[in-house]
């Protein structure tokens, strides 16, 4: 029986601001957006910024050195943070799930940005737990993170439903024993959610 539902943030609870912001930065610097995206993904991992092992200033400087991107830390971060638009229909689903007596949480590979986005949009209040790689010191690329979350919640993997738009994270969670939904869009998500948690109320 499902006892907790955990949501990814970017791409599920909010628009994928990280990818969209990097695409905007690439365009402004006349860079190939796909190449630039994967360069930054490599750097956010290799610098340790994703898991809180270095600060944002060092992260942006590593990007400028590696890619010749120009722009202040403030201007670059605005390109990303401004694109994390909260999906209100998803927050309604979180509320509905909580009304059923289930635990809700965010399980996200995010940095200090997650707290800052919350300061602007106040979405933490919808969740019982916030699991953020920046504070955990471990990302969803490490399968043991999913085990750690189980231990923290005092649940077995089969009691957790995890929603993410990254197929690799879904696969790792599946391998640990989580129930999962690969998020590709709202309507498809609702259809798949009903298979785990019949929701009789309107979800519009």
N, C-alpha and C. Protein backbone atom coordinates (compact mmCIF):
# COMPACT_ATOMS: atom_id res chain seq x y z
N UNK A 1 0.85 -1.20 0.00
CA UNK A 1 0.00 0.00 0.00
C UNK A 1 0.88 1.25 0.00
N UNK A 2 0.53 2.20 -0.84
CA UNK A 2 1.28 3.46 -0.91
C UNK A 2 1.02 4.29 0.34
N UNK A 3 2.12 4.73 0.97
CA UNK A 3 2.01 5.57 2.15
C UNK A 3 2.63 6.96 1.95
N UNK A 4 3.50 7.09 0.95
CA UNK A 4 4.15 8.38 0.69
C UNK A 4 4.30 8.58 -0.81
N UNK A 5 4.12 9.84 -1.24
CA UNK A 5 4.28 10.19 -2.65
C UNK A 5 5.33 11.29 -2.74
N UNK A 6 6.38 11.03 -3.50
CA UNK A 6 7.49 11.96 -3.64
C UNK A 6 7.55 12.48 -5.07
N UNK A 7 7.72 13.79 -5.20
CA UNK A 7 7.72 14.45 -6.50
C UNK A 7 9.08 15.08 -6.78
N UNK A 8 9.54 14.91 -8.01
CA UNK A 8 10.65 15.74 -8.51
C UNK A 8 10.14 17.18 -8.59
N UNK A 9 11.08 18.14 -8.59
CA UNK A 9 10.65 19.54 -8.68
C UNK A 9 10.64 20.03 -10.13
N UNK A 10 11.80 20.34 -10.70
CA UNK A 10 11.84 20.85 -12.06
C UNK A 10 11.37 19.83 -13.08
N UNK A 11 10.36 20.18 -13.85
CA UNK A 11 9.80 19.27 -14.84
C UNK A 11 8.57 18.54 -14.35
N UNK A 12 8.29 18.63 -13.03
CA UNK A 12 7.10 17.97 -12.47
C UNK A 12 6.28 19.00 -11.69
N UNK A 13 6.78 19.47 -10.57
CA UNK A 13 6.06 20.48 -9.79
C UNK A 13 6.17 21.85 -10.46
N UNK A 14 7.26 22.07 -11.16
CA UNK A 14 7.47 23.34 -11.87
C UNK A 14 7.96 23.05 -13.29
N UNK A 15 7.89 24.07 -14.12
CA UNK A 15 8.49 23.96 -15.45
C UNK A 15 9.99 23.70 -15.28
N UNK A 16 10.60 23.10 -16.28
CA UNK A 16 12.02 22.75 -16.20
C UNK A 16 12.89 23.98 -16.44
N UNK A 17 13.03 24.80 -15.41
CA UNK A 17 13.75 26.06 -15.53
C UNK A 17 15.23 25.90 -15.80
N UNK A 18 15.82 24.82 -15.31
CA UNK A 18 17.26 24.63 -15.50
C UNK A 18 17.59 24.47 -16.97
N UNK A 19 16.92 23.54 -17.63
CA UNK A 19 17.19 23.32 -19.05
C UNK A 19 16.81 24.55 -19.89
N UNK A 20 15.64 25.10 -19.61
CA UNK A 20 15.18 26.26 -20.39
C UNK A 20 16.08 27.47 -20.18
N UNK A 21 16.54 27.66 -18.96
CA UNK A 21 17.44 28.78 -18.68
C UNK A 21 18.77 28.62 -19.38
N UNK A 22 19.29 27.40 -19.38
CA UNK A 22 20.57 27.16 -20.07
C UNK A 22 20.43 27.35 -21.57
N UNK A 23 19.29 26.98 -22.12
CA UNK A 23 19.06 27.21 -23.55
C UNK A 23 19.09 28.70 -23.86
N UNK A 24 18.50 29.51 -22.98
CA UNK A 24 18.50 30.96 -23.18
C UNK A 24 19.91 31.52 -23.09
N UNK A 25 20.68 31.04 -22.13
CA UNK A 25 22.08 31.49 -21.99
C UNK A 25 22.88 31.11 -23.22
N UNK A 26 22.67 29.90 -23.72
CA UNK A 26 23.39 29.45 -24.92
C UNK A 26 23.07 30.33 -26.12
N UNK A 27 21.79 30.64 -26.29
CA UNK A 27 21.39 31.49 -27.43
C UNK A 27 22.08 32.86 -27.35
N UNK A 28 22.11 33.44 -26.17
CA UNK A 28 22.70 34.77 -26.00
C UNK A 28 24.21 34.77 -26.24
N UNK A 29 24.81 33.60 -26.10
CA UNK A 29 26.26 33.49 -26.28
C UNK A 29 26.64 32.77 -27.57
N UNK A 30 25.64 32.59 -28.45
CA UNK A 30 25.88 31.94 -29.74
C UNK A 30 26.53 30.57 -29.60
N UNK A 31 26.01 29.78 -28.64
CA UNK A 31 26.51 28.44 -28.42
C UNK A 31 25.45 27.42 -28.79
N UNK A 32 25.88 26.21 -29.12
CA UNK A 32 24.93 25.14 -29.37
C UNK A 32 24.27 24.76 -28.05
N UNK A 33 22.95 24.82 -28.00
CA UNK A 33 22.22 24.65 -26.75
C UNK A 33 22.41 23.26 -26.16
N UNK A 34 22.40 22.24 -27.00
CA UNK A 34 22.53 20.86 -26.50
C UNK A 34 23.92 20.62 -25.92
N UNK A 35 24.94 21.05 -26.65
CA UNK A 35 26.32 20.89 -26.17
C UNK A 35 26.52 21.64 -24.87
N UNK A 36 26.03 22.87 -24.81
CA UNK A 36 26.18 23.69 -23.61
C UNK A 36 25.46 23.05 -22.42
N UNK A 37 24.27 22.52 -22.65
CA UNK A 37 23.52 21.89 -21.57
C UNK A 37 24.32 20.75 -20.95
N UNK A 38 24.86 19.87 -21.76
CA UNK A 38 25.59 18.73 -21.21
C UNK A 38 26.91 19.16 -20.56
N UNK A 39 27.51 20.23 -21.07
CA UNK A 39 28.71 20.76 -20.41
C UNK A 39 28.36 21.23 -18.99
N UNK A 40 27.26 21.93 -18.86
CA UNK A 40 26.86 22.45 -17.55
C UNK A 40 26.46 21.32 -16.62
N UNK A 41 25.76 20.33 -17.14
CA UNK A 41 25.39 19.17 -16.32
C UNK A 41 26.65 18.50 -15.77
N UNK A 42 27.66 18.35 -16.63
CA UNK A 42 28.93 17.77 -16.17
C UNK A 42 29.55 18.62 -15.07
N UNK A 43 29.50 19.94 -15.24
CA UNK A 43 30.15 20.84 -14.29
C UNK A 43 29.40 20.93 -12.97
N UNK A 44 28.08 20.88 -13.02
CA UNK A 44 27.33 20.98 -11.76
C UNK A 44 27.57 19.73 -10.91
N UNK A 45 27.92 18.63 -11.58
CA UNK A 45 28.29 17.41 -10.86
C UNK A 45 29.76 17.41 -10.46
N UNK A 46 30.64 17.72 -11.39
CA UNK A 46 32.08 17.60 -11.11
C UNK A 46 32.56 18.65 -10.12
N UNK A 47 31.95 19.82 -10.10
CA UNK A 47 32.35 20.84 -9.12
C UNK A 47 31.82 20.52 -7.73
N UNK A 48 30.78 19.68 -7.66
CA UNK A 48 30.16 19.38 -6.38
C UNK A 48 29.07 20.35 -5.99
N UNK A 49 28.72 21.26 -6.89
CA UNK A 49 27.68 22.24 -6.55
C UNK A 49 26.33 21.57 -6.31
N UNK A 50 26.04 20.53 -7.08
CA UNK A 50 24.74 19.86 -6.95
C UNK A 50 24.55 19.23 -5.58
N UNK A 51 25.65 18.84 -4.97
CA UNK A 51 25.57 18.17 -3.67
C UNK A 51 26.15 19.02 -2.54
N UNK A 52 26.21 20.33 -2.77
CA UNK A 52 26.57 21.25 -1.71
C UNK A 52 28.04 21.29 -1.34
N UNK A 53 28.90 20.80 -2.23
CA UNK A 53 30.33 20.75 -1.91
C UNK A 53 31.10 21.96 -2.43
N UNK A 54 30.43 22.83 -3.16
CA UNK A 54 31.02 24.11 -3.53
C UNK A 54 29.89 25.13 -3.64
N UNK A 55 30.25 26.40 -3.68
CA UNK A 55 29.26 27.45 -3.75
C UNK A 55 28.89 27.83 -5.17
N UNK A 56 27.86 28.65 -5.28
CA UNK A 56 27.37 29.06 -6.60
C UNK A 56 28.40 29.87 -7.38
N UNK A 57 29.15 30.71 -6.69
CA UNK A 57 30.14 31.54 -7.37
C UNK A 57 31.17 30.67 -8.10
N UNK A 58 31.65 29.63 -7.42
CA UNK A 58 32.62 28.72 -8.05
C UNK A 58 32.00 27.98 -9.23
N UNK A 59 30.74 27.63 -9.11
CA UNK A 59 30.04 26.94 -10.19
C UNK A 59 29.98 27.80 -11.45
N UNK A 60 29.54 29.04 -11.30
CA UNK A 60 29.43 29.92 -12.47
C UNK A 60 30.80 30.23 -13.06
N UNK A 61 31.80 30.37 -12.21
CA UNK A 61 33.14 30.64 -12.73
C UNK A 61 33.65 29.46 -13.54
N UNK A 62 33.35 28.25 -13.10
CA UNK A 62 33.78 27.07 -13.85
C UNK A 62 33.11 27.04 -15.22
N UNK A 63 31.88 27.50 -15.31
CA UNK A 63 31.17 27.55 -16.59
C UNK A 63 31.80 28.59 -17.50
N UNK A 64 32.11 29.76 -16.94
CA UNK A 64 32.73 30.81 -17.77
C UNK A 64 34.07 30.35 -18.32
N UNK A 65 34.86 29.67 -17.50
CA UNK A 65 36.17 29.19 -17.94
C UNK A 65 36.02 28.12 -19.02
N UNK A 66 35.08 27.22 -18.84
CA UNK A 66 34.95 26.08 -19.76
C UNK A 66 34.27 26.43 -21.07
N UNK A 67 33.36 27.41 -21.04
CA UNK A 67 32.54 27.67 -22.23
C UNK A 67 32.67 29.07 -22.80
N UNK A 68 33.35 29.96 -22.09
CA UNK A 68 33.50 31.36 -22.51
C UNK A 68 32.19 32.14 -22.46
N UNK A 69 31.22 31.61 -21.71
CA UNK A 69 29.98 32.35 -21.50
C UNK A 69 30.30 33.65 -20.76
N UNK A 70 29.58 34.72 -21.12
CA UNK A 70 29.76 35.99 -20.41
C UNK A 70 28.49 36.30 -19.62
N UNK A 71 28.66 37.08 -18.57
CA UNK A 71 27.53 37.47 -17.74
C UNK A 71 27.85 37.32 -16.27
N UNK A 72 27.27 38.18 -15.47
CA UNK A 72 27.49 38.10 -14.03
C UNK A 72 26.76 36.91 -13.44
N UNK A 73 27.15 36.51 -12.24
CA UNK A 73 26.45 35.43 -11.56
C UNK A 73 24.97 35.75 -11.44
N UNK A 74 24.66 36.98 -11.10
CA UNK A 74 23.27 37.39 -10.91
C UNK A 74 22.47 37.25 -12.19
N UNK A 75 23.03 37.74 -13.30
CA UNK A 75 22.30 37.67 -14.57
C UNK A 75 22.14 36.24 -15.06
N UNK A 76 23.14 35.42 -14.86
CA UNK A 76 23.05 34.03 -15.30
C UNK A 76 22.02 33.25 -14.49
N UNK A 77 22.03 33.46 -13.18
CA UNK A 77 21.08 32.73 -12.34
C UNK A 77 19.65 33.15 -12.58
N UNK A 78 19.43 34.43 -12.92
CA UNK A 78 18.07 34.91 -13.21
C UNK A 78 17.51 34.19 -14.43
N UNK A 79 18.36 33.91 -15.41
CA UNK A 79 17.90 33.20 -16.60
C UNK A 79 17.30 31.84 -16.23
N UNK A 80 17.84 31.22 -15.18
CA UNK A 80 17.36 29.91 -14.76
C UNK A 80 16.20 30.01 -13.78
N UNK A 81 16.40 30.77 -12.71
CA UNK A 81 15.38 30.81 -11.66
C UNK A 81 14.05 31.39 -12.14
N UNK A 82 14.10 32.32 -13.05
CA UNK A 82 12.87 32.95 -13.53
C UNK A 82 12.01 31.99 -14.35
N UNK A 83 12.59 30.88 -14.77
CA UNK A 83 11.86 29.94 -15.62
C UNK A 83 11.28 28.75 -14.86
N UNK A 84 11.50 28.70 -13.56
CA UNK A 84 10.88 27.65 -12.75
C UNK A 84 9.47 28.09 -12.36
N UNK A 85 8.56 28.05 -13.32
CA UNK A 85 7.17 28.43 -13.07
C UNK A 85 6.44 27.29 -12.39
N UNK A 86 5.83 27.58 -11.23
CA UNK A 86 5.14 26.54 -10.47
C UNK A 86 3.86 26.14 -11.19
N UNK A 87 3.62 24.84 -11.28
CA UNK A 87 2.41 24.31 -11.91
C UNK A 87 1.32 24.17 -10.83
N UNK A 88 0.38 25.06 -10.85
CA UNK A 88 -0.64 25.09 -9.81
C UNK A 88 -1.51 23.83 -9.84
N UNK A 89 -1.71 23.26 -11.02
CA UNK A 89 -2.52 22.03 -11.09
C UNK A 89 -1.82 20.87 -10.37
N UNK A 90 -0.50 20.89 -10.36
CA UNK A 90 0.22 19.85 -9.64
C UNK A 90 0.12 20.05 -8.13
N UNK A 91 0.12 21.30 -7.70
CA UNK A 91 -0.03 21.56 -6.26
C UNK A 91 -1.42 21.13 -5.78
N UNK A 92 -2.42 21.26 -6.64
CA UNK A 92 -3.76 20.78 -6.28
C UNK A 92 -3.76 19.27 -6.07
N UNK A 93 -2.99 18.56 -6.90
CA UNK A 93 -2.89 17.12 -6.74
C UNK A 93 -2.19 16.78 -5.44
N UNK A 94 -1.15 17.52 -5.10
CA UNK A 94 -0.45 17.28 -3.84
C UNK A 94 -1.42 17.47 -2.67
N UNK A 95 -2.22 18.53 -2.73
CA UNK A 95 -3.20 18.77 -1.68
C UNK A 95 -4.19 17.60 -1.57
N UNK A 96 -4.63 17.10 -2.70
CA UNK A 96 -5.58 16.00 -2.71
C UNK A 96 -4.97 14.74 -2.11
N UNK A 97 -3.72 14.48 -2.46
CA UNK A 97 -3.03 13.31 -1.92
C UNK A 97 -2.89 13.43 -0.40
N UNK A 98 -2.53 14.63 0.07
CA UNK A 98 -2.40 14.83 1.52
C UNK A 98 -3.74 14.65 2.23
N UNK A 99 -4.82 15.04 1.56
CA UNK A 99 -6.14 14.90 2.17
C UNK A 99 -6.52 13.44 2.36
N UNK A 100 -5.83 12.54 1.65
CA UNK A 100 -6.07 11.10 1.79
C UNK A 100 -5.26 10.51 2.94
N UNK A 101 -4.49 11.36 3.62
CA UNK A 101 -3.70 10.90 4.75
C UNK A 101 -2.32 10.38 4.38
N UNK A 102 -1.89 10.63 3.14
CA UNK A 102 -0.58 10.17 2.70
C UNK A 102 0.48 11.25 2.95
N UNK A 103 1.71 10.80 3.12
CA UNK A 103 2.85 11.70 3.25
C UNK A 103 3.25 12.20 1.87
N UNK A 104 3.62 13.48 1.77
CA UNK A 104 4.07 14.04 0.50
C UNK A 104 5.45 14.66 0.67
N UNK A 105 6.22 14.64 -0.40
CA UNK A 105 7.55 15.23 -0.33
C UNK A 105 8.08 15.58 -1.70
N UNK A 106 9.09 16.44 -1.70
CA UNK A 106 9.87 16.73 -2.90
C UNK A 106 11.18 15.97 -2.79
N UNK A 107 11.57 15.29 -3.85
CA UNK A 107 12.86 14.62 -3.94
C UNK A 107 13.54 15.15 -5.19
N UNK A 108 14.47 16.08 -5.01
CA UNK A 108 14.97 16.85 -6.15
C UNK A 108 16.49 16.98 -6.14
N UNK A 109 17.06 16.89 -7.33
CA UNK A 109 18.46 17.27 -7.52
C UNK A 109 18.47 18.78 -7.76
N UNK A 110 18.60 19.51 -6.67
CA UNK A 110 18.61 20.97 -6.75
C UNK A 110 19.71 21.52 -5.86
N UNK A 111 19.97 22.80 -6.03
CA UNK A 111 20.99 23.48 -5.23
C UNK A 111 20.29 24.40 -4.24
N UNK A 112 21.01 25.41 -3.79
CA UNK A 112 20.43 26.44 -2.92
C UNK A 112 19.27 27.15 -3.61
N UNK A 113 19.18 26.98 -4.92
CA UNK A 113 18.11 27.64 -5.68
C UNK A 113 16.73 27.21 -5.22
N UNK A 114 16.59 25.96 -4.77
CA UNK A 114 15.27 25.47 -4.39
C UNK A 114 14.69 26.30 -3.26
N UNK A 115 15.49 26.60 -2.25
CA UNK A 115 15.02 27.45 -1.15
C UNK A 115 14.66 28.84 -1.65
N UNK A 116 15.45 29.35 -2.58
CA UNK A 116 15.20 30.70 -3.09
C UNK A 116 13.92 30.75 -3.90
N UNK A 117 13.67 29.72 -4.68
CA UNK A 117 12.42 29.67 -5.45
C UNK A 117 11.24 29.59 -4.49
N UNK A 118 11.40 28.80 -3.43
CA UNK A 118 10.33 28.72 -2.44
C UNK A 118 10.09 30.06 -1.76
N UNK A 119 11.15 30.81 -1.50
CA UNK A 119 10.98 32.12 -0.87
C UNK A 119 10.09 33.03 -1.71
N UNK A 120 10.14 32.82 -3.02
CA UNK A 120 9.34 33.64 -3.93
C UNK A 120 7.94 33.09 -4.14
N UNK A 121 7.79 31.76 -4.09
CA UNK A 121 6.52 31.14 -4.49
C UNK A 121 5.81 30.36 -3.39
N UNK A 122 6.48 30.12 -2.27
CA UNK A 122 5.84 29.50 -1.10
C UNK A 122 5.13 28.18 -1.43
N UNK A 123 5.87 27.21 -1.93
CA UNK A 123 5.28 25.90 -2.24
C UNK A 123 5.68 24.82 -1.24
N UNK A 124 6.68 25.07 -0.41
CA UNK A 124 7.08 24.06 0.58
C UNK A 124 5.92 23.65 1.48
N UNK A 125 5.03 24.58 1.73
CA UNK A 125 3.93 24.32 2.66
C UNK A 125 3.02 23.18 2.21
N UNK A 126 3.10 22.82 0.94
CA UNK A 126 2.26 21.73 0.42
C UNK A 126 2.86 20.35 0.72
N UNK A 127 4.10 20.32 1.20
CA UNK A 127 4.82 19.06 1.35
C UNK A 127 5.24 18.82 2.80
N UNK A 128 5.27 17.55 3.17
CA UNK A 128 5.72 17.18 4.50
C UNK A 128 7.24 17.15 4.60
N UNK A 129 7.90 16.81 3.50
CA UNK A 129 9.36 16.69 3.50
C UNK A 129 9.94 17.30 2.22
N UNK A 130 11.13 17.88 2.37
CA UNK A 130 11.89 18.38 1.22
C UNK A 130 13.24 17.69 1.23
N UNK A 131 13.47 16.83 0.26
CA UNK A 131 14.76 16.14 0.10
C UNK A 131 15.49 16.79 -1.08
N UNK A 132 16.55 17.51 -0.77
CA UNK A 132 17.27 18.29 -1.77
C UNK A 132 18.73 17.84 -1.81
N UNK A 133 19.22 17.47 -2.97
CA UNK A 133 20.58 16.96 -3.10
C UNK A 133 21.62 17.91 -2.51
N UNK A 134 21.40 19.20 -2.62
CA UNK A 134 22.35 20.20 -2.13
C UNK A 134 22.55 20.06 -0.63
N UNK A 135 21.47 19.73 0.09
CA UNK A 135 21.54 19.58 1.54
C UNK A 135 21.85 18.15 1.97
N UNK A 136 21.45 17.18 1.14
CA UNK A 136 21.70 15.78 1.47
C UNK A 136 23.13 15.36 1.20
N UNK A 137 23.82 16.11 0.31
CA UNK A 137 25.17 15.73 -0.07
C UNK A 137 25.23 14.54 -0.98
N UNK A 138 24.11 14.25 -1.63
CA UNK A 138 24.00 13.08 -2.50
C UNK A 138 22.88 13.34 -3.51
N UNK A 139 23.09 12.93 -4.75
CA UNK A 139 22.10 13.17 -5.79
C UNK A 139 21.39 11.89 -6.19
N UNK A 140 20.36 12.04 -7.03
CA UNK A 140 19.60 10.88 -7.49
C UNK A 140 20.40 10.00 -8.45
N UNK A 141 21.59 10.44 -8.84
CA UNK A 141 22.46 9.58 -9.64
C UNK A 141 23.04 8.46 -8.80
N UNK A 142 22.97 8.63 -7.48
CA UNK A 142 23.46 7.62 -6.54
C UNK A 142 22.27 6.82 -6.03
N UNK A 143 22.14 5.56 -6.42
CA UNK A 143 20.97 4.76 -6.01
C UNK A 143 20.76 4.71 -4.50
N UNK A 144 21.84 4.85 -3.73
CA UNK A 144 21.69 4.76 -2.27
C UNK A 144 20.86 5.90 -1.71
N UNK A 145 20.70 6.99 -2.47
CA UNK A 145 19.85 8.08 -2.00
C UNK A 145 18.43 7.59 -1.77
N UNK A 146 17.94 6.75 -2.65
CA UNK A 146 16.57 6.25 -2.54
C UNK A 146 16.42 5.36 -1.30
N UNK A 147 17.46 4.62 -0.98
CA UNK A 147 17.45 3.82 0.24
C UNK A 147 17.48 4.72 1.47
N UNK A 148 18.30 5.76 1.42
CA UNK A 148 18.38 6.71 2.53
C UNK A 148 17.02 7.34 2.83
N UNK A 149 16.29 7.70 1.78
CA UNK A 149 14.98 8.33 1.95
C UNK A 149 14.01 7.35 2.62
N UNK A 150 14.07 6.09 2.22
CA UNK A 150 13.22 5.08 2.87
C UNK A 150 13.50 5.02 4.36
N UNK A 151 14.76 5.00 4.71
CA UNK A 151 15.14 4.91 6.12
C UNK A 151 14.67 6.15 6.88
N UNK A 152 14.80 7.30 6.25
CA UNK A 152 14.38 8.54 6.90
C UNK A 152 12.87 8.54 7.16
N UNK A 153 12.12 8.05 6.18
CA UNK A 153 10.65 8.01 6.30
C UNK A 153 10.16 6.81 7.08
N UNK A 154 11.08 5.88 7.38
CA UNK A 154 10.72 4.64 8.06
C UNK A 154 9.67 3.86 7.26
N UNK A 155 9.93 3.78 5.95
CA UNK A 155 9.06 3.05 5.04
C UNK A 155 9.88 2.08 4.21
N UNK A 156 9.23 1.05 3.69
CA UNK A 156 9.89 0.17 2.73
C UNK A 156 9.66 0.75 1.33
N UNK A 157 10.52 0.44 0.37
CA UNK A 157 10.40 1.03 -0.96
C UNK A 157 9.03 0.86 -1.60
N UNK A 158 8.40 -0.28 -1.38
CA UNK A 158 7.11 -0.56 -2.00
C UNK A 158 5.99 0.33 -1.46
N UNK A 159 6.25 1.05 -0.39
CA UNK A 159 5.26 1.96 0.18
C UNK A 159 5.41 3.39 -0.34
N UNK A 160 6.36 3.58 -1.26
CA UNK A 160 6.63 4.92 -1.80
C UNK A 160 6.31 4.96 -3.29
N UNK A 161 5.65 6.03 -3.70
CA UNK A 161 5.42 6.34 -5.12
C UNK A 161 6.25 7.56 -5.47
N UNK A 162 7.07 7.45 -6.50
CA UNK A 162 7.99 8.51 -6.90
C UNK A 162 7.68 8.96 -8.31
N UNK A 163 7.58 10.28 -8.51
CA UNK A 163 7.26 10.85 -9.82
C UNK A 163 8.41 11.72 -10.29
N UNK A 164 8.92 11.45 -11.49
CA UNK A 164 10.06 12.20 -12.02
C UNK A 164 9.96 12.23 -13.54
N UNK A 165 10.52 13.27 -14.15
CA UNK A 165 10.53 13.36 -15.61
C UNK A 165 11.86 12.91 -16.19
N UNK A 166 12.73 12.37 -15.35
CA UNK A 166 14.03 11.85 -15.80
C UNK A 166 13.98 10.33 -15.76
N UNK A 167 14.08 9.71 -16.91
CA UNK A 167 13.91 8.25 -16.99
C UNK A 167 15.01 7.50 -16.25
N UNK A 168 16.20 8.09 -16.15
CA UNK A 168 17.29 7.43 -15.44
C UNK A 168 17.02 7.40 -13.94
N UNK A 169 16.47 8.49 -13.41
CA UNK A 169 16.11 8.51 -11.99
C UNK A 169 14.98 7.51 -11.71
N UNK A 170 14.06 7.43 -12.64
CA UNK A 170 12.96 6.47 -12.50
C UNK A 170 13.51 5.05 -12.45
N UNK A 171 14.45 4.75 -13.32
CA UNK A 171 15.04 3.41 -13.36
C UNK A 171 15.75 3.08 -12.05
N UNK A 172 16.50 4.04 -11.51
CA UNK A 172 17.21 3.79 -10.24
C UNK A 172 16.22 3.55 -9.11
N UNK A 173 15.16 4.35 -9.08
CA UNK A 173 14.15 4.18 -8.04
C UNK A 173 13.45 2.82 -8.18
N UNK A 174 13.15 2.43 -9.41
CA UNK A 174 12.54 1.12 -9.67
C UNK A 174 13.43 -0.01 -9.16
N UNK A 175 14.73 0.14 -9.41
CA UNK A 175 15.66 -0.91 -9.02
C UNK A 175 15.74 -1.08 -7.50
N UNK A 176 15.47 0.01 -6.78
CA UNK A 176 15.46 -0.05 -5.32
C UNK A 176 14.15 -0.68 -4.82
N UNK A 177 13.09 -0.58 -5.64
CA UNK A 177 11.81 -1.16 -5.27
C UNK A 177 10.67 -0.17 -5.17
N UNK A 178 10.95 1.12 -5.50
CA UNK A 178 9.90 2.13 -5.47
C UNK A 178 8.85 1.84 -6.54
N UNK A 179 7.63 2.28 -6.28
CA UNK A 179 6.64 2.45 -7.34
C UNK A 179 6.96 3.78 -8.02
N UNK A 180 6.80 3.86 -9.32
CA UNK A 180 7.20 5.08 -10.02
C UNK A 180 6.21 5.46 -11.11
N UNK A 181 6.21 6.76 -11.42
CA UNK A 181 5.52 7.28 -12.59
C UNK A 181 6.51 8.18 -13.34
N UNK A 182 6.75 7.82 -14.59
CA UNK A 182 7.58 8.65 -15.45
C UNK A 182 6.71 9.77 -15.99
N UNK A 183 7.01 11.00 -15.58
CA UNK A 183 6.16 12.14 -15.90
C UNK A 183 6.47 12.67 -17.31
N UNK A 184 5.45 12.64 -18.17
CA UNK A 184 5.59 13.18 -19.52
C UNK A 184 4.57 14.28 -19.81
N UNK A 185 3.62 14.47 -18.92
CA UNK A 185 2.58 15.48 -19.11
C UNK A 185 1.50 15.28 -18.08
N UNK A 186 0.71 16.31 -17.85
CA UNK A 186 -0.27 16.29 -16.76
C UNK A 186 -1.34 15.22 -16.96
N UNK A 187 -1.96 15.15 -18.12
CA UNK A 187 -3.06 14.22 -18.33
C UNK A 187 -2.59 12.78 -18.22
N UNK A 188 -1.44 12.49 -18.80
CA UNK A 188 -0.89 11.14 -18.70
C UNK A 188 -0.56 10.81 -17.24
N UNK A 189 -0.03 11.79 -16.52
CA UNK A 189 0.28 11.59 -15.10
C UNK A 189 -0.97 11.25 -14.29
N UNK A 190 -2.05 11.99 -14.51
CA UNK A 190 -3.30 11.74 -13.77
C UNK A 190 -3.80 10.34 -14.05
N UNK A 191 -3.74 9.91 -15.29
CA UNK A 191 -4.19 8.57 -15.65
C UNK A 191 -3.37 7.51 -14.92
N UNK A 192 -2.05 7.69 -14.87
CA UNK A 192 -1.19 6.72 -14.21
C UNK A 192 -1.35 6.79 -12.69
N UNK A 193 -1.57 7.98 -12.15
CA UNK A 193 -1.74 8.13 -10.71
C UNK A 193 -2.97 7.38 -10.22
N UNK A 194 -4.03 7.42 -11.03
CA UNK A 194 -5.28 6.74 -10.66
C UNK A 194 -5.07 5.24 -10.46
N UNK A 195 -4.10 4.68 -11.14
CA UNK A 195 -3.84 3.25 -10.99
C UNK A 195 -3.26 2.93 -9.61
N UNK A 196 -2.57 3.91 -9.02
CA UNK A 196 -1.99 3.73 -7.69
C UNK A 196 -2.90 4.24 -6.58
N UNK A 197 -3.52 5.40 -6.84
CA UNK A 197 -4.33 6.07 -5.83
C UNK A 197 -5.62 6.56 -6.46
N UNK A 198 -6.67 5.78 -6.44
CA UNK A 198 -7.95 6.22 -7.01
C UNK A 198 -8.38 7.55 -6.39
N UNK A 199 -8.55 8.55 -7.24
CA UNK A 199 -8.91 9.89 -6.79
C UNK A 199 -10.30 10.23 -7.32
N UNK A 200 -11.27 10.19 -6.48
CA UNK A 200 -12.63 10.39 -6.92
C UNK A 200 -12.97 11.87 -7.12
N UNK A 201 -12.25 12.74 -6.38
CA UNK A 201 -12.53 14.17 -6.52
C UNK A 201 -12.02 14.67 -7.87
N UNK A 202 -12.57 15.81 -8.28
CA UNK A 202 -12.12 16.44 -9.52
C UNK A 202 -10.67 16.83 -9.40
N UNK A 203 -9.90 16.55 -10.45
CA UNK A 203 -8.48 16.90 -10.46
C UNK A 203 -8.19 17.96 -11.50
N UNK A 204 -9.20 18.69 -11.93
CA UNK A 204 -9.01 19.67 -12.97
C UNK A 204 -8.28 20.90 -12.49
